[in-house]
């Protein structure tokens, strides 16, 4: 029996559903992070006393930096999921970009935006 070179349309649709669900959650999280950065969530120091305000401003700076990093990471995740949807459309989804072999379904279910098999990923770390 010849080795399978791509996932079937039915399998691709299963992955599309997984990705769309993760994309919706990721977008929601990203929107919340953006809202907290712009102060749209109403959680600021305007109503605290001056003594605490100085302390809170330092903490806010650290918090905003961390929130910015989280937002950037979330955006990268969203872009990875969107790219995976394009690969589904092209019927190239699930094919390792290093080995050309199919990435196991278990890996794709856990990391639906993966473009490398575990084998290729581990070879790249050496």
C-alpha atoms as a PDB file:
ATOM      1  CA  UNK A   1       0.000   0.000   0.000  1.00  0.00           C
ATOM      2  CA  UNK A   2       1.370   3.406  -0.973  1.00  0.00           C
ATOM      3  CA  UNK A   3       2.123   5.882   1.792  1.00  0.00           C
ATOM      4  CA  UNK A   4      -0.576   8.499   2.209  1.00  0.00           C
ATOM      5  CA  UNK A   5       0.636  11.869   0.888  1.00  0.00           C
ATOM      6  CA  UNK A   6      -2.188  14.131   2.061  1.00  0.00           C
ATOM      7  CA  UNK A   7      -5.245  14.141   4.285  1.00  0.00           C
ATOM      8  CA  UNK A   8      -8.643  13.461   2.727  1.00  0.00           C
ATOM      9  CA  UNK A   9     -11.216  16.214   2.305  1.00  0.00           C
ATOM     10  CA  UNK A  10     -13.214  14.740   5.216  1.00  0.00           C
ATOM     11  CA  UNK A  11     -10.120  14.818   7.443  1.00  0.00           C
ATOM     12  CA  UNK A  12      -9.345  18.368   6.335  1.00  0.00           C
ATOM     13  CA  UNK A  13     -12.880  19.424   7.287  1.00  0.00           C
ATOM     14  CA  UNK A  14     -12.361  17.934  10.758  1.00  0.00           C
ATOM     15  CA  UNK A  15      -9.185  20.002  11.142  1.00  0.00           C
ATOM     16  CA  UNK A  16     -10.951  23.107   9.789  1.00  0.00           C
ATOM     17  CA  UNK A  17     -13.601  22.791  12.532  1.00  0.00           C
ATOM     18  CA  UNK A  18     -10.886  22.477  15.206  1.00  0.00           C
ATOM     19  CA  UNK A  19      -9.022  25.482  13.835  1.00  0.00           C
ATOM     20  CA  UNK A  20     -12.125  27.669  13.532  1.00  0.00           C
ATOM     21  CA  UNK A  21     -13.040  26.931  17.142  1.00  0.00           C
ATOM     22  CA  UNK A  22      -9.522  27.755  18.358  1.00  0.00           C
ATOM     23  CA  UNK A  23      -9.468  30.865  16.166  1.00  0.00           C
ATOM     24  CA  UNK A  24     -12.684  32.168  17.696  1.00  0.00           C
ATOM     25  CA  UNK A  25     -11.347  31.697  21.243  1.00  0.00           C
ATOM     26  CA  UNK A  26      -7.966  33.189  20.332  1.00  0.00           C
ATOM     27  CA  UNK A  27      -9.611  36.249  18.768  1.00  0.00           C
ATOM     28  CA  UNK A  28     -11.755  36.747  21.862  1.00  0.00           C
ATOM     29  CA  UNK A  29      -8.669  36.573  24.109  1.00  0.00           C
ATOM     30  CA  UNK A  30      -6.793  38.975  21.828  1.00  0.00           C
ATOM     31  CA  UNK A  31      -9.672  41.461  21.916  1.00  0.00           C
ATOM     32  CA  UNK A  32      -9.687  41.319  25.737  1.00  0.00           C
ATOM     33  CA  UNK A  33      -5.939  41.946  25.860  1.00  0.00           C
ATOM     34  CA  UNK A  34      -6.275  44.885  23.464  1.00  0.00           C
ATOM     35  CA  UNK A  35      -9.116  46.342  25.535  1.00  0.00           C
ATOM     36  CA  UNK A  36      -7.036  46.163  28.706  1.00  0.00           C
ATOM     37  CA  UNK A  37      -4.136  47.906  26.945  1.00  0.00           C
ATOM     38  CA  UNK A  38      -6.295  50.775  25.743  1.00  0.00           C
ATOM     39  CA  UNK A  39      -7.948  51.170  29.124  1.00  0.00           C
ATOM     40  CA  UNK A  40     -11.315  50.247  27.681  1.00  0.00           C
ATOM     41  CA  UNK A  41     -11.839  47.750  30.470  1.00  0.00           C
ATOM     42  CA  UNK A  42     -12.199  50.551  33.035  1.00  0.00           C
ATOM     43  CA  UNK A  43      -9.524  49.132  35.335  1.00  0.00           C
ATOM     44  CA  UNK A  44      -7.281  52.142  35.946  1.00  0.00           C
ATOM     45  CA  UNK A  45      -5.923  54.186  38.893  1.00  0.00           C
ATOM     46  CA  UNK A  46      -8.017  57.331  38.433  1.00  0.00           C
ATOM     47  CA  UNK A  47     -10.152  56.581  41.467  1.00  0.00           C
ATOM     48  CA  UNK A  48      -7.371  55.586  43.891  1.00  0.00           C
ATOM     49  CA  UNK A  49      -5.711  57.869  46.414  1.00  0.00           C
ATOM     50  CA  UNK A  50      -2.409  59.606  45.450  1.00  0.00           C
ATOM     51  CA  UNK A  51      -0.358  57.424  47.826  1.00  0.00           C
ATOM     52  CA  UNK A  52      -1.351  54.240  46.041  1.00  0.00           C
ATOM     53  CA  UNK A  53      -1.351  55.816  42.612  1.00  0.00           C
ATOM     54  CA  UNK A  54       2.473  56.063  42.478  1.00  0.00           C
ATOM     55  CA  UNK A  55       2.826  52.398  43.420  1.00  0.00           C
ATOM     56  CA  UNK A  56       0.140  51.333  40.990  1.00  0.00           C
ATOM     57  CA  UNK A  57       1.683  53.244  38.086  1.00  0.00           C
ATOM     58  CA  UNK A  58       4.895  51.211  38.411  1.00  0.00           C
ATOM     59  CA  UNK A  59       2.900  48.005  38.522  1.00  0.00           C
ATOM     60  CA  UNK A  60       0.798  49.196  35.586  1.00  0.00           C
ATOM     61  CA  UNK A  61       3.917  49.727  33.475  1.00  0.00           C
ATOM     62  CA  UNK A  62       5.050  46.166  34.126  1.00  0.00           C
ATOM     63  CA  UNK A  63       1.540  44.879  33.590  1.00  0.00           C
ATOM     64  CA  UNK A  64       1.176  46.738  30.280  1.00  0.00           C
ATOM     65  CA  UNK A  65       4.504  45.364  29.043  1.00  0.00           C
ATOM     66  CA  UNK A  66       3.414  41.848  29.923  1.00  0.00           C
ATOM     67  CA  UNK A  67      -0.020  42.377  28.384  1.00  0.00           C
ATOM     68  CA  UNK A  68       1.621  43.716  25.220  1.00  0.00           C
ATOM     69  CA  UNK A  69       3.802  40.604  25.010  1.00  0.00           C
ATOM     70  CA  UNK A  70       0.767  38.392  25.536  1.00  0.00           C
ATOM     71  CA  UNK A  71      -1.173  40.279  22.863  1.00  0.00           C
ATOM     72  CA  UNK A  72       1.713  39.929  20.382  1.00  0.00           C
ATOM     73  CA  UNK A  73       1.968  36.221  21.109  1.00  0.00           C
ATOM     74  CA  UNK A  74      -1.789  35.814  20.701  1.00  0.00           C
ATOM     75  CA  UNK A  75      -1.717  37.667  17.382  1.00  0.00           C
ATOM     76  CA  UNK A  76       1.067  35.369  16.139  1.00  0.00           C
ATOM     77  CA  UNK A  77      -1.062  32.362  17.175  1.00  0.00           C
ATOM     78  CA  UNK A  78      -4.067  33.793  15.292  1.00  0.00           C
ATOM     79  CA  UNK A  79      -1.930  34.327  12.186  1.00  0.00           C
ATOM     80  CA  UNK A  80      -0.668  30.745  12.439  1.00  0.00           C
ATOM     81  CA  UNK A  81      -4.242  29.452  12.602  1.00  0.00           C
ATOM     82  CA  UNK A  82      -5.249  31.611   9.627  1.00  0.00           C
ATOM     83  CA  UNK A  83      -2.288  30.277   7.630  1.00  0.00           C
ATOM     84  CA  UNK A  84      -3.399  26.730   8.528  1.00  0.00           C
ATOM     85  CA  UNK A  85      -6.832  27.486   7.030  1.00  0.00           C
ATOM     86  CA  UNK A  86      -5.114  28.571   3.802  1.00  0.00           C
ATOM     87  CA  UNK A  87      -3.170  25.293   3.761  1.00  0.00           C
ATOM     88  CA  UNK A  88      -6.471  23.428   4.159  1.00  0.00           C
ATOM     89  CA  UNK A  89      -7.852  25.291   1.132  1.00  0.00           C
ATOM     90  CA  UNK A  90      -4.695  24.400  -0.822  1.00  0.00           C
ATOM     91  CA  UNK A  91      -4.923  20.795   0.421  1.00  0.00           C
ATOM     92  CA  UNK A  92      -1.367  21.037   1.760  1.00  0.00           C
ATOM     93  CA  UNK A  93      -2.415  21.056   5.422  1.00  0.00           C
ATOM     94  CA  UNK A  94      -0.676  18.527   7.638  1.00  0.00           C
ATOM     95  CA  UNK A  95       2.333  18.021   5.377  1.00  0.00           C
ATOM     96  CA  UNK A  96       5.672  18.622   7.129  1.00  0.00           C
ATOM     97  CA  UNK A  97       7.551  21.422   5.387  1.00  0.00           C
ATOM     98  CA  UNK A  98      10.887  19.694   6.091  1.00  0.00           C
ATOM     99  CA  UNK A  99      10.242  16.003   5.419  1.00  0.00           C
ATOM    100  CA  UNK A 100       7.226  16.225   3.089  1.00  0.00           C
ATOM    101  CA  UNK A 101       5.541  13.484   5.142  1.00  0.00           C
ATOM    102  CA  UNK A 102       2.191  13.742   6.871  1.00  0.00           C
ATOM    103  CA  UNK A 103       2.244  15.170  10.376  1.00  0.00           C
ATOM    104  CA  UNK A 104       0.410  12.725  12.683  1.00  0.00           C
ATOM    105  CA  UNK A 105      -3.216  13.601  13.421  1.00  0.00           C
ATOM    106  CA  UNK A 106      -2.557  13.582  17.167  1.00  0.00           C
ATOM    107  CA  UNK A 107      -0.006  16.381  16.768  1.00  0.00           C
ATOM    108  CA  UNK A 108      -2.310  18.411  14.530  1.00  0.00           C
ATOM    109  CA  UNK A 109      -5.180  18.071  16.986  1.00  0.00           C
ATOM    110  CA  UNK A 110      -2.922  19.380  19.767  1.00  0.00           C
ATOM    111  CA  UNK A 111      -1.122  22.010  17.644  1.00  0.00           C
ATOM    112  CA  UNK A 112      -3.376  22.669  14.642  1.00  0.00           C
ATOM    113  CA  UNK A 113      -1.057  25.305  13.164  1.00  0.00           C
ATOM    114  CA  UNK A 114       1.982  22.972  13.153  1.00  0.00           C
ATOM    115  CA  UNK A 115       4.038  22.900   9.959  1.00  0.00           C
ATOM    116  CA  UNK A 116       6.724  20.508  11.216  1.00  0.00           C
ATOM    117  CA  UNK A 117       6.555  16.922  12.375  1.00  0.00           C
ATOM    118  CA  UNK A 118       8.092  16.165  15.776  1.00  0.00           C
ATOM    119  CA  UNK A 119      10.951  14.444  13.936  1.00  0.00           C
ATOM    120  CA  UNK A 120      11.753  17.543  11.866  1.00  0.00           C
ATOM    121  CA  UNK A 121      11.300  19.859  14.839  1.00  0.00           C
ATOM    122  CA  UNK A 122      13.724  17.814  16.942  1.00  0.00           C
ATOM    123  CA  UNK A 123      16.260  17.643  14.084  1.00  0.00           C
ATOM    124  CA  UNK A 124      16.210  21.435  13.866  1.00  0.00           C
ATOM    125  CA  UNK A 125      17.141  21.775  17.549  1.00  0.00           C
ATOM    126  CA  UNK A 126      20.402  19.861  17.188  1.00  0.00           C
END
